[in-house]
C-alpha atoms as a PDB file:
ATOM      1  CA  UNK A   1      -0.015  -0.057   0.030  1.00  0.00           C
ATOM      2  CA  UNK A   2       1.167   3.395  -0.896  1.00  0.00           C
ATOM      3  CA  UNK A   3       2.097   5.966   1.789  1.00  0.00           C
ATOM      4  CA  UNK A   4      -0.252   8.936   1.182  1.00  0.00           C
ATOM      5  CA  UNK A   5      -1.080  10.650   4.406  1.00  0.00           C
ATOM      6  CA  UNK A   6       0.583  13.996   4.618  1.00  0.00           C
ATOM      7  CA  UNK A   7       2.299  14.903   7.980  1.00  0.00           C
ATOM      8  CA  UNK A   8      -0.117  16.437  10.347  1.00  0.00           C
ATOM      9  CA  UNK A   9      -3.281  14.794   9.121  1.00  0.00           C
ATOM     10  CA  UNK A  10      -5.643  14.092  11.945  1.00  0.00           C
ATOM     11  CA  UNK A  11      -7.145  10.582  11.670  1.00  0.00           C
ATOM     12  CA  UNK A  12      -9.655  11.210  14.302  1.00  0.00           C
ATOM     13  CA  UNK A  13     -12.587  13.718  13.437  1.00  0.00           C
ATOM     14  CA  UNK A  14     -11.725  17.241  14.624  1.00  0.00           C
ATOM     15  CA  UNK A  15     -14.349  19.040  16.831  1.00  0.00           C
ATOM     16  CA  UNK A  16     -17.506  20.325  15.099  1.00  0.00           C
ATOM     17  CA  UNK A  17     -16.681  23.363  12.851  1.00  0.00           C
ATOM     18  CA  UNK A  18     -12.938  22.979  13.135  1.00  0.00           C
ATOM     19  CA  UNK A  19     -12.308  20.850   9.906  1.00  0.00           C
ATOM     20  CA  UNK A  20      -9.134  21.899   7.992  1.00  0.00           C
ATOM     21  CA  UNK A  21      -9.900  20.128   4.925  1.00  0.00           C
ATOM     22  CA  UNK A  22     -13.115  19.440   2.628  1.00  0.00           C
ATOM     23  CA  UNK A  23     -14.337  16.220   1.210  1.00  0.00           C
ATOM     24  CA  UNK A  24     -16.472  15.471  -1.859  1.00  0.00           C
ATOM     25  CA  UNK A  25     -19.324  14.089   0.339  1.00  0.00           C
ATOM     26  CA  UNK A  26     -19.423  17.265   2.471  1.00  0.00           C
ATOM     27  CA  UNK A  27     -19.640  19.413  -0.650  1.00  0.00           C
ATOM     28  CA  UNK A  28     -22.629  17.300  -1.949  1.00  0.00           C
ATOM     29  CA  UNK A  29     -24.153  17.201   1.422  1.00  0.00           C
ATOM     30  CA  UNK A  30     -24.151  21.181   1.192  1.00  0.00           C
ATOM     31  CA  UNK A  31     -25.577  21.161  -2.466  1.00  0.00           C
ATOM     32  CA  UNK A  32     -28.349  18.815  -1.287  1.00  0.00           C
ATOM     33  CA  UNK A  33     -29.346  20.669   1.960  1.00  0.00           C
ATOM     34  CA  UNK A  34     -27.377  23.556   3.396  1.00  0.00           C
ATOM     35  CA  UNK A  35     -29.037  23.171   6.707  1.00  0.00           C
ATOM     36  CA  UNK A  36     -28.348  19.457   6.864  1.00  0.00           C
ATOM     37  CA  UNK A  37     -24.701  20.248   6.304  1.00  0.00           C
ATOM     38  CA  UNK A  38     -24.677  22.892   9.097  1.00  0.00           C
ATOM     39  CA  UNK A  39     -26.228  20.378  11.444  1.00  0.00           C
ATOM     40  CA  UNK A  40     -23.635  17.733  10.747  1.00  0.00           C
ATOM     41  CA  UNK A  41     -20.448  19.446  10.103  1.00  0.00           C
ATOM     42  CA  UNK A  42     -20.768  22.688  11.961  1.00  0.00           C
ATOM     43  CA  UNK A  43     -22.922  22.110  14.864  1.00  0.00           C
ATOM     44  CA  UNK A  44     -21.983  18.512  15.140  1.00  0.00           C
ATOM     45  CA  UNK A  45     -25.528  17.247  16.125  1.00  0.00           C
ATOM     46  CA  UNK A  46     -25.799  13.410  16.735  1.00  0.00           C
ATOM     47  CA  UNK A  47     -27.380  11.650  13.900  1.00  0.00           C
ATOM     48  CA  UNK A  48     -30.121   9.653  15.886  1.00  0.00           C
ATOM     49  CA  UNK A  49     -31.080   7.575  12.890  1.00  0.00           C
ATOM     50  CA  UNK A  50     -29.337   6.005  10.059  1.00  0.00           C
ATOM     51  CA  UNK A  51     -30.800   4.265   6.924  1.00  0.00           C
ATOM     52  CA  UNK A  52     -30.246   0.566   6.514  1.00  0.00           C
ATOM     53  CA  UNK A  53     -29.212   1.217   2.889  1.00  0.00           C
ATOM     54  CA  UNK A  54     -26.313   3.257   4.232  1.00  0.00           C
ATOM     55  CA  UNK A  55     -25.051   0.557   6.611  1.00  0.00           C
ATOM     56  CA  UNK A  56     -25.561  -2.100   3.914  1.00  0.00           C
ATOM     57  CA  UNK A  57     -23.525  -0.345   1.370  1.00  0.00           C
ATOM     58  CA  UNK A  58     -20.760   0.208   3.985  1.00  0.00           C
ATOM     59  CA  UNK A  59     -20.778  -3.521   4.823  1.00  0.00           C
ATOM     60  CA  UNK A  60     -20.458  -4.398   0.994  1.00  0.00           C
ATOM     61  CA  UNK A  61     -17.605  -1.858   0.712  1.00  0.00           C
ATOM     62  CA  UNK A  62     -16.026  -3.707   3.710  1.00  0.00           C
ATOM     63  CA  UNK A  63     -16.073  -6.965   2.144  1.00  0.00           C
ATOM     64  CA  UNK A  64     -14.873  -5.730  -1.284  1.00  0.00           C
ATOM     65  CA  UNK A  65     -11.915  -3.874   0.542  1.00  0.00           C
ATOM     66  CA  UNK A  66     -11.119  -7.190   2.347  1.00  0.00           C
ATOM     67  CA  UNK A  67     -11.090  -8.930  -1.004  1.00  0.00           C
ATOM     68  CA  UNK A  68      -8.583  -6.528  -2.569  1.00  0.00           C
ATOM     69  CA  UNK A  69      -6.387  -6.475   0.774  1.00  0.00           C
ATOM     70  CA  UNK A  70      -6.125 -10.133   0.528  1.00  0.00           C
ATOM     71  CA  UNK A  71      -4.939 -10.033  -3.182  1.00  0.00           C
ATOM     72  CA  UNK A  72      -2.525  -7.259  -2.115  1.00  0.00           C
ATOM     73  CA  UNK A  73      -1.004  -9.399   0.581  1.00  0.00           C
ATOM     74  CA  UNK A  74      -1.044 -12.764  -0.864  1.00  0.00           C
ATOM     75  CA  UNK A  75      -2.406 -12.762  -4.492  1.00  0.00           C
ATOM     76  CA  UNK A  76      -5.024 -15.072  -3.334  1.00  0.00           C
ATOM     77  CA  UNK A  77      -8.623 -14.033  -3.223  1.00  0.00           C
ATOM     78  CA  UNK A  78     -10.596 -14.616  -0.152  1.00  0.00           C
ATOM     79  CA  UNK A  79     -13.571 -17.307   0.013  1.00  0.00           C
ATOM     80  CA  UNK A  80     -17.305 -16.316  -0.066  1.00  0.00           C
ATOM     81  CA  UNK A  81     -17.274 -17.137   3.678  1.00  0.00           C
ATOM     82  CA  UNK A  82     -14.606 -14.773   4.549  1.00  0.00           C
ATOM     83  CA  UNK A  83     -16.400 -11.946   2.508  1.00  0.00           C
ATOM     84  CA  UNK A  84     -19.651 -12.643   4.383  1.00  0.00           C
ATOM     85  CA  UNK A  85     -17.812 -12.677   7.568  1.00  0.00           C
ATOM     86  CA  UNK A  86     -16.644  -8.945   6.950  1.00  0.00           C
ATOM     87  CA  UNK A  87     -20.296  -8.058   5.997  1.00  0.00           C
ATOM     88  CA  UNK A  88     -21.511  -9.471   9.218  1.00  0.00           C
ATOM     89  CA  UNK A  89     -18.771  -7.904  11.207  1.00  0.00           C
ATOM     90  CA  UNK A  90     -19.873  -4.317   9.986  1.00  0.00           C
ATOM     91  CA  UNK A  91     -23.332  -5.106  11.258  1.00  0.00           C
ATOM     92  CA  UNK A  92     -22.250  -6.287  14.561  1.00  0.00           C
ATOM     93  CA  UNK A  93     -20.192  -3.106  15.004  1.00  0.00           C
ATOM     94  CA  UNK A  94     -23.211  -0.900  14.262  1.00  0.00           C
ATOM     95  CA  UNK A  95     -25.791   0.114  16.791  1.00  0.00           C
ATOM     96  CA  UNK A  96     -28.748  -1.482  15.227  1.00  0.00           C
ATOM     97  CA  UNK A  97     -31.217   0.391  17.525  1.00  0.00           C
ATOM     98  CA  UNK A  98     -30.616   3.525  15.358  1.00  0.00           C
ATOM     99  CA  UNK A  99     -30.771   1.965  11.945  1.00  0.00           C
ATOM    100  CA  UNK A 100     -34.105   2.737  10.085  1.00  0.00           C
ATOM    101  CA  UNK A 101     -35.206  -0.226   7.946  1.00  0.00           C
ATOM    102  CA  UNK A 102     -37.794   0.040   5.207  1.00  0.00           C
ATOM    103  CA  UNK A 103     -39.137  -3.054   3.624  1.00  0.00           C
ATOM    104  CA  UNK A 104     -35.928  -4.960   4.245  1.00  0.00           C
ATOM    105  CA  UNK A 105     -34.578  -6.648   7.406  1.00  0.00           C
ATOM    106  CA  UNK A 106     -31.344  -8.072   8.344  1.00  0.00           C
ATOM    107  CA  UNK A 107     -32.055 -11.452   6.900  1.00  0.00           C
ATOM    108  CA  UNK A 108     -33.159 -10.243   3.404  1.00  0.00           C
ATOM    109  CA  UNK A 109     -30.295  -7.669   3.369  1.00  0.00           C
ATOM    110  CA  UNK A 110     -27.943 -10.698   4.153  1.00  0.00           C
ATOM    111  CA  UNK A 111     -29.265 -12.701   1.408  1.00  0.00           C
ATOM    112  CA  UNK A 112     -28.906  -9.850  -1.027  1.00  0.00           C
ATOM    113  CA  UNK A 113     -25.438  -9.283   0.075  1.00  0.00           C
ATOM    114  CA  UNK A 114     -24.594 -12.956  -0.899  1.00  0.00           C
ATOM    115  CA  UNK A 115     -25.826 -12.534  -4.173  1.00  0.00           C
ATOM    116  CA  UNK A 116     -24.007  -9.200  -4.855  1.00  0.00           C
ATOM    117  CA  UNK A 117     -20.704 -10.465  -3.453  1.00  0.00           C
ATOM    118  CA  UNK A 118     -21.135 -13.762  -5.598  1.00  0.00           C
ATOM    119  CA  UNK A 119     -21.552 -11.404  -8.666  1.00  0.00           C
ATOM    120  CA  UNK A 120     -18.589  -9.420  -7.621  1.00  0.00           C
ATOM    121  CA  UNK A 121     -16.390 -12.547  -7.232  1.00  0.00           C
ATOM    122  CA  UNK A 122     -16.965 -13.546 -10.835  1.00  0.00           C
ATOM    123  CA  UNK A 123     -16.622 -10.084 -12.141  1.00  0.00           C
ATOM    124  CA  UNK A 124     -13.597  -8.556 -14.039  1.00  0.00           C
ATOM    125  CA  UNK A 125     -13.424  -6.070 -11.183  1.00  0.00           C
ATOM    126  CA  UNK A 126     -12.547  -8.836  -8.714  1.00  0.00           C
ATOM    127  CA  UNK A 127      -9.405  -9.697 -10.869  1.00  0.00           C
ATOM    128  CA  UNK A 128      -7.794  -6.439 -11.601  1.00  0.00           C
ATOM    129  CA  UNK A 129      -5.350  -5.940 -14.361  1.00  0.00           C
ATOM    130  CA  UNK A 130      -1.834  -4.714 -13.116  1.00  0.00           C
ATOM    131  CA  UNK A 131      -0.705  -4.500  -9.577  1.00  0.00           C
ATOM    132  CA  UNK A 132      -2.865  -3.190  -6.709  1.00  0.00           C
ATOM    133  CA  UNK A 133      -1.042  -0.369  -5.044  1.00  0.00           C
ATOM    134  CA  UNK A 134      -3.785   1.050  -2.823  1.00  0.00           C
ATOM    135  CA  UNK A 135      -7.040  -0.013  -1.105  1.00  0.00           C
ATOM    136  CA  UNK A 136      -9.252   2.340   0.575  1.00  0.00           C
ATOM    137  CA  UNK A 137      -6.317   4.770   0.338  1.00  0.00           C
ATOM    138  CA  UNK A 138      -6.595   8.279   1.841  1.00  0.00           C
ATOM    139  CA  UNK A 139      -5.129  11.101  -0.130  1.00  0.00           C
ATOM    140  CA  UNK A 140      -4.955  14.740   0.960  1.00  0.00           C
ATOM    141  CA  UNK A 141      -3.602  17.864  -0.681  1.00  0.00           C
ATOM    142  CA  UNK A 142      -4.329  21.489  -1.984  1.00  0.00           C
ATOM    143  CA  UNK A 143      -6.435  21.068  -5.070  1.00  0.00           C
ATOM    144  CA  UNK A 144      -8.589  24.357  -5.308  1.00  0.00           C
ATOM    145  CA  UNK A 145      -6.973  27.756  -4.559  1.00  0.00           C
ATOM    146  CA  UNK A 146      -8.677  29.523  -1.685  1.00  0.00           C
ATOM    147  CA  UNK A 147     -10.221  26.349  -0.346  1.00  0.00           C
ATOM    148  CA  UNK A 148      -9.009  23.838   2.332  1.00  0.00           C
ATOM    149  CA  UNK A 149      -7.039  20.612   1.370  1.00  0.00           C
ATOM    150  CA  UNK A 150      -9.261  18.177  -0.317  1.00  0.00           C
ATOM    151  CA  UNK A 151      -9.411  14.732   1.380  1.00  0.00           C
ATOM    152  CA  UNK A 152     -10.356  11.663  -0.738  1.00  0.00           C
ATOM    153  CA  UNK A 153     -10.597   8.017   0.035  1.00  0.00           C
ATOM    154  CA  UNK A 154      -9.771   5.991  -3.084  1.00  0.00           C
ATOM    155  CA  UNK A 155     -11.465   2.418  -3.177  1.00  0.00           C
ATOM    156  CA  UNK A 156      -8.924   0.944  -5.295  1.00  0.00           C
ATOM    157  CA  UNK A 157      -5.672   2.069  -7.044  1.00  0.00           C
ATOM    158  CA  UNK A 158      -4.172  -0.157  -9.695  1.00  0.00           C
ATOM    159  CA  UNK A 159      -1.004   0.276 -11.752  1.00  0.00           C
ATOM    160  CA  UNK A 160      -0.282  -1.317 -14.965  1.00  0.00           C
ATOM    161  CA  UNK A 161       2.733  -0.594 -17.244  1.00  0.00           C
ATOM    162  CA  UNK A 162       1.280   2.521 -18.952  1.00  0.00           C
ATOM    163  CA  UNK A 163      -1.796   3.387 -16.572  1.00  0.00           C
ATOM    164  CA  UNK A 164      -2.842   4.351 -13.087  1.00  0.00           C
ATOM    165  CA  UNK A 165      -6.342   3.028 -12.556  1.00  0.00           C
ATOM    166  CA  UNK A 166      -8.599   4.823 -10.156  1.00  0.00           C
ATOM    167  CA  UNK A 167     -11.855   2.858  -9.061  1.00  0.00           C
ATOM    168  CA  UNK A 168     -14.556   4.134  -6.897  1.00  0.00           C
ATOM    169  CA  UNK A 169     -17.237   1.447  -5.779  1.00  0.00           C
ATOM    170  CA  UNK A 170     -20.871   2.249  -5.766  1.00  0.00           C
ATOM    171  CA  UNK A 171     -23.885  -0.081  -4.846  1.00  0.00           C
ATOM    172  CA  UNK A 172     -27.200   0.926  -6.652  1.00  0.00           C
ATOM    173  CA  UNK A 173     -30.662  -0.281  -6.805  1.00  0.00           C
ATOM    174  CA  UNK A 174     -30.561  -0.417 -10.598  1.00  0.00           C
ATOM    175  CA  UNK A 175     -27.840  -0.183 -13.325  1.00  0.00           C
ATOM    176  CA  UNK A 176     -26.383   3.134 -14.067  1.00  0.00           C
ATOM    177  CA  UNK A 177     -26.724   4.724 -17.450  1.00  0.00           C
ATOM    178  CA  UNK A 178     -23.708   6.521 -19.120  1.00  0.00           C
ATOM    179  CA  UNK A 179     -25.485   9.830 -18.149  1.00  0.00           C
ATOM    180  CA  UNK A 180     -25.661   8.828 -14.578  1.00  0.00           C
ATOM    181  CA  UNK A 181     -21.931   8.193 -14.441  1.00  0.00           C
ATOM    182  CA  UNK A 182     -21.351  11.608 -16.132  1.00  0.00           C
ATOM    183  CA  UNK A 183     -23.480  13.295 -13.575  1.00  0.00           C
ATOM    184  CA  UNK A 184     -21.319  11.643 -10.726  1.00  0.00           C
ATOM    185  CA  UNK A 185     -18.034  12.332 -12.444  1.00  0.00           C
ATOM    186  CA  UNK A 186     -16.915  15.245 -10.184  1.00  0.00           C
ATOM    187  CA  UNK A 187     -15.845  12.980  -7.477  1.00  0.00           C
ATOM    188  CA  UNK A 188     -13.417  11.088  -9.736  1.00  0.00           C
ATOM    189  CA  UNK A 189     -12.335  14.236 -11.604  1.00  0.00           C
ATOM    190  CA  UNK A 190     -11.358  15.835  -8.155  1.00  0.00           C
ATOM    191  CA  UNK A 191      -9.636  12.530  -7.033  1.00  0.00           C
ATOM    192  CA  UNK A 192      -7.648  12.631 -10.257  1.00  0.00           C
ATOM    193  CA  UNK A 193      -6.046  15.753  -9.005  1.00  0.00           C
ATOM    194  CA  UNK A 194      -4.822  14.033  -5.838  1.00  0.00           C
ATOM    195  CA  UNK A 195      -3.735  10.783  -7.672  1.00  0.00           C
ATOM    196  CA  UNK A 196      -1.863  12.409 -10.588  1.00  0.00           C
ATOM    197  CA  UNK A 197       1.337  13.191  -8.716  1.00  0.00           C
ATOM    198  CA  UNK A 198       1.696   9.599  -7.747  1.00  0.00           C
ATOM    199  CA  UNK A 199       2.511   8.444 -11.315  1.00  0.00           C
ATOM    200  CA  UNK A 200       2.920  11.571 -13.443  1.00  0.00           C
ATOM    201  CA  UNK A 201       4.236   9.555 -16.502  1.00  0.00           C
ATOM    202  CA  UNK A 202       1.401   7.170 -16.577  1.00  0.00           C
ATOM    203  CA  UNK A 203      -2.045   7.718 -18.160  1.00  0.00           C
ATOM    204  CA  UNK A 204      -4.710   8.197 -15.716  1.00  0.00           C
ATOM    205  CA  UNK A 205      -7.807   6.021 -15.804  1.00  0.00           C
ATOM    206  CA  UNK A 206     -10.933   6.774 -14.007  1.00  0.00           C
ATOM    207  CA  UNK A 207     -13.829   4.510 -13.534  1.00  0.00           C
ATOM    208  CA  UNK A 208     -16.921   3.840 -11.403  1.00  0.00           C
ATOM    209  CA  UNK A 209     -17.592   0.094 -10.487  1.00  0.00           C
ATOM    210  CA  UNK A 210     -21.505  -0.062  -9.927  1.00  0.00           C
ATOM    211  CA  UNK A 211     -22.844  -3.306  -8.095  1.00  0.00           C
ATOM    212  CA  UNK A 212     -26.609  -3.535  -8.343  1.00  0.00           C
ATOM    213  CA  UNK A 213     -29.008  -4.475  -5.529  1.00  0.00           C
ATOM    214  CA  UNK A 214     -31.122  -6.696  -7.848  1.00  0.00           C
ATOM    215  CA  UNK A 215     -32.374 -10.275  -7.896  1.00  0.00           C
ATOM    216  CA  UNK A 216     -29.589 -10.988 -10.245  1.00  0.00           C
ATOM    217  CA  UNK A 217     -27.029  -8.354  -9.487  1.00  0.00           C
ATOM    218  CA  UNK A 218     -24.640  -6.902 -12.127  1.00  0.00           C
ATOM    219  CA  UNK A 219     -21.230  -5.410 -11.845  1.00  0.00           C
ATOM    220  CA  UNK A 220     -20.831  -2.671 -14.218  1.00  0.00           C
ATOM    221  CA  UNK A 221     -17.660  -0.482 -15.011  1.00  0.00           C
ATOM    222  CA  UNK A 222     -18.120   3.002 -16.136  1.00  0.00           C
ATOM    223  CA  UNK A 223     -15.254   4.978 -17.491  1.00  0.00           C
ATOM    224  CA  UNK A 224     -14.814   8.729 -16.805  1.00  0.00           C
ATOM    225  CA  UNK A 225     -12.651  10.876 -19.098  1.00  0.00           C
ATOM    226  CA  UNK A 226     -10.151  12.960 -17.145  1.00  0.00           C
ATOM    227  CA  UNK A 227     -11.071  15.932 -19.233  1.00  0.00           C
ATOM    228  CA  UNK A 228      -9.207  19.252 -18.286  1.00  0.00           C
ATOM    229  CA  UNK A 229     -12.216  21.328 -18.935  1.00  0.00           C
ATOM    230  CA  UNK A 230     -14.648  19.324 -16.702  1.00  0.00           C
ATOM    231  CA  UNK A 231     -11.876  19.299 -13.972  1.00  0.00           C
ATOM    232  CA  UNK A 232     -11.760  23.171 -14.070  1.00  0.00           C
ATOM    233  CA  UNK A 233     -15.675  23.202 -14.001  1.00  0.00           C
ATOM    234  CA  UNK A 234     -15.748  20.856 -11.072  1.00  0.00           C
ATOM    235  CA  UNK A 235     -13.222  22.944  -9.224  1.00  0.00           C
ATOM    236  CA  UNK A 236     -15.198  26.008  -9.808  1.00  0.00           C
ATOM    237  CA  UNK A 237     -18.448  24.538  -8.404  1.00  0.00           C
ATOM    238  CA  UNK A 238     -16.508  23.510  -5.172  1.00  0.00           C
ATOM    239  CA  UNK A 239     -14.873  27.010  -4.809  1.00  0.00           C
ATOM    240  CA  UNK A 240     -18.336  28.498  -4.999  1.00  0.00           C
ATOM    241  CA  UNK A 241     -19.759  26.006  -2.532  1.00  0.00           C
ATOM    242  CA  UNK A 242     -16.889  26.691  -0.162  1.00  0.00           C
ATOM    243  CA  UNK A 243     -17.563  30.557  -0.498  1.00  0.00           C
ATOM    244  CA  UNK A 244     -21.155  29.941   0.542  1.00  0.00           C
ATOM    245  CA  UNK A 245     -20.128  27.781   3.506  1.00  0.00           C
ATOM    246  CA  UNK A 246     -17.459  30.376   4.707  1.00  0.00           C
ATOM    247  CA  UNK A 247     -20.357  33.061   4.446  1.00  0.00           C
ATOM    248  CA  UNK A 248     -22.502  30.900   6.571  1.00  0.00           C
ATOM    249  CA  UNK A 249     -25.274  30.639   3.998  1.00  0.00           C
ATOM    250  CA  UNK A 250     -27.502  27.843   5.649  1.00  0.00           C
ATOM    251  CA  UNK A 251     -31.020  27.205   4.864  1.00  0.00           C
ATOM    252  CA  UNK A 252     -33.294  24.031   4.556  1.00  0.00           C
ATOM    253  CA  UNK A 253     -33.967  22.546   1.089  1.00  0.00           C
ATOM    254  CA  UNK A 254     -37.094  20.503   1.703  1.00  0.00           C
ATOM    255  CA  UNK A 255     -38.055  17.687  -0.713  1.00  0.00           C
ATOM    256  CA  UNK A 256     -39.091  14.019  -0.433  1.00  0.00           C
ATOM    257  CA  UNK A 257     -35.652  12.789  -1.337  1.00  0.00           C
ATOM    258  CA  UNK A 258     -33.992  15.103   1.157  1.00  0.00           C
ATOM    259  CA  UNK A 259     -36.404  14.840   4.096  1.00  0.00           C
ATOM    260  CA  UNK A 260     -37.170  11.219   4.072  1.00  0.00           C
ATOM    261  CA  UNK A 261     -34.835   9.520   6.461  1.00  0.00           C
ATOM    262  CA  UNK A 262     -33.072  12.677   7.388  1.00  0.00           C
ATOM    263  CA  UNK A 263     -31.778  12.418  10.976  1.00  0.00           C
ATOM    264  CA  UNK A 264     -32.178  16.200  11.620  1.00  0.00           C
ATOM    265  CA  UNK A 265     -35.837  16.412  11.055  1.00  0.00           C
ATOM    266  CA  UNK A 266     -36.762  17.881  14.488  1.00  0.00           C
ATOM    267  CA  UNK A 267     -34.135  20.478  14.598  1.00  0.00           C
ATOM    268  CA  UNK A 268     -34.831  21.563  11.168  1.00  0.00           C
ATOM    269  CA  UNK A 269     -38.419  22.070  12.178  1.00  0.00           C
ATOM    270  CA  UNK A 270     -37.174  24.064  15.111  1.00  0.00           C
ATOM    271  CA  UNK A 271     -34.850  26.232  13.150  1.00  0.00           C
ATOM    272  CA  UNK A 272     -35.898  29.824  12.776  1.00  0.00           C
ATOM    273  CA  UNK A 273     -33.061  31.130  10.727  1.00  0.00           C
END
C-alpha cells in the first residue's frame, strides 16, 4: 500500500466546525441541503437514525475492501465465507437500534449481500489487471485555490505498465446509465488531481464500479474521461460552494428525497434562521 497521508493529517474527526479539509461528500451534502450540512459538520449534532441502505452499502464496501487487501497481501482471493464474515462484522459493530429499516430486514439484506458478493467474485473487477498499490487509500492535498485541502478516499488504485487506474465502488438499486456516470463524475475528477502526482508519467484512468441490488446483481464499469475542462468546471463548483459555507449561508432545502430518513428532522423544524 502506498504511503499517502501528509504529515499532520488528523485521523480522528476534529471538533465540529474545526475541519481543516473538505471532502467531496461534504460538498455534495451542502448542495443537497445547506442546513443539513450545518447540523452535521458545523453544529456536530448527533445523527439519531441511519438508513439501513447506508449501513448495507458500507458493509458491502468492507467485504470488497477485504477482497482486495487479500490480493494485495497474498495474491489469493478470499472465500465467500470470508467476505460474508466481513459483511457480518460491520453489522455487529453498528448500533442497530438507530438503524431505520424500510421493507427490508437484516435477513433479507444478508441474502442480497450474498448474491451481490457472488456477482462481484465472478466479475472482471475482482481480478484487476496490473498491480494493486492502494485499497481504501486516503489522499490529501491542496487542489483548489482559496479552499482547504481536499481529503479523498480511493477505493482501489491499480498500476499497469502504462496506466494508473482509479476505481470508486458504488452500490445501486438499478444499473447506471452513461448519463448517470457523467453526472457523478465530479468525485473522480477531483480525485484525479490528488492521484496524478503519484505516477505523473502514466495515463490516468478513472472509473466507477457499480454493483446493483437486484435479484440478479450486475457489476458494471463506467469510464470517466479525465477531461481538463471538466476538472476546471468541478473545481469552480467546489470553490463556489466553499464560499457559501464560509459566508454561513445555511437554509433548509425540503424535498421528499432530502427529508425522508433525514436524522435532523426535528432540529430542522425548530430552526428559525
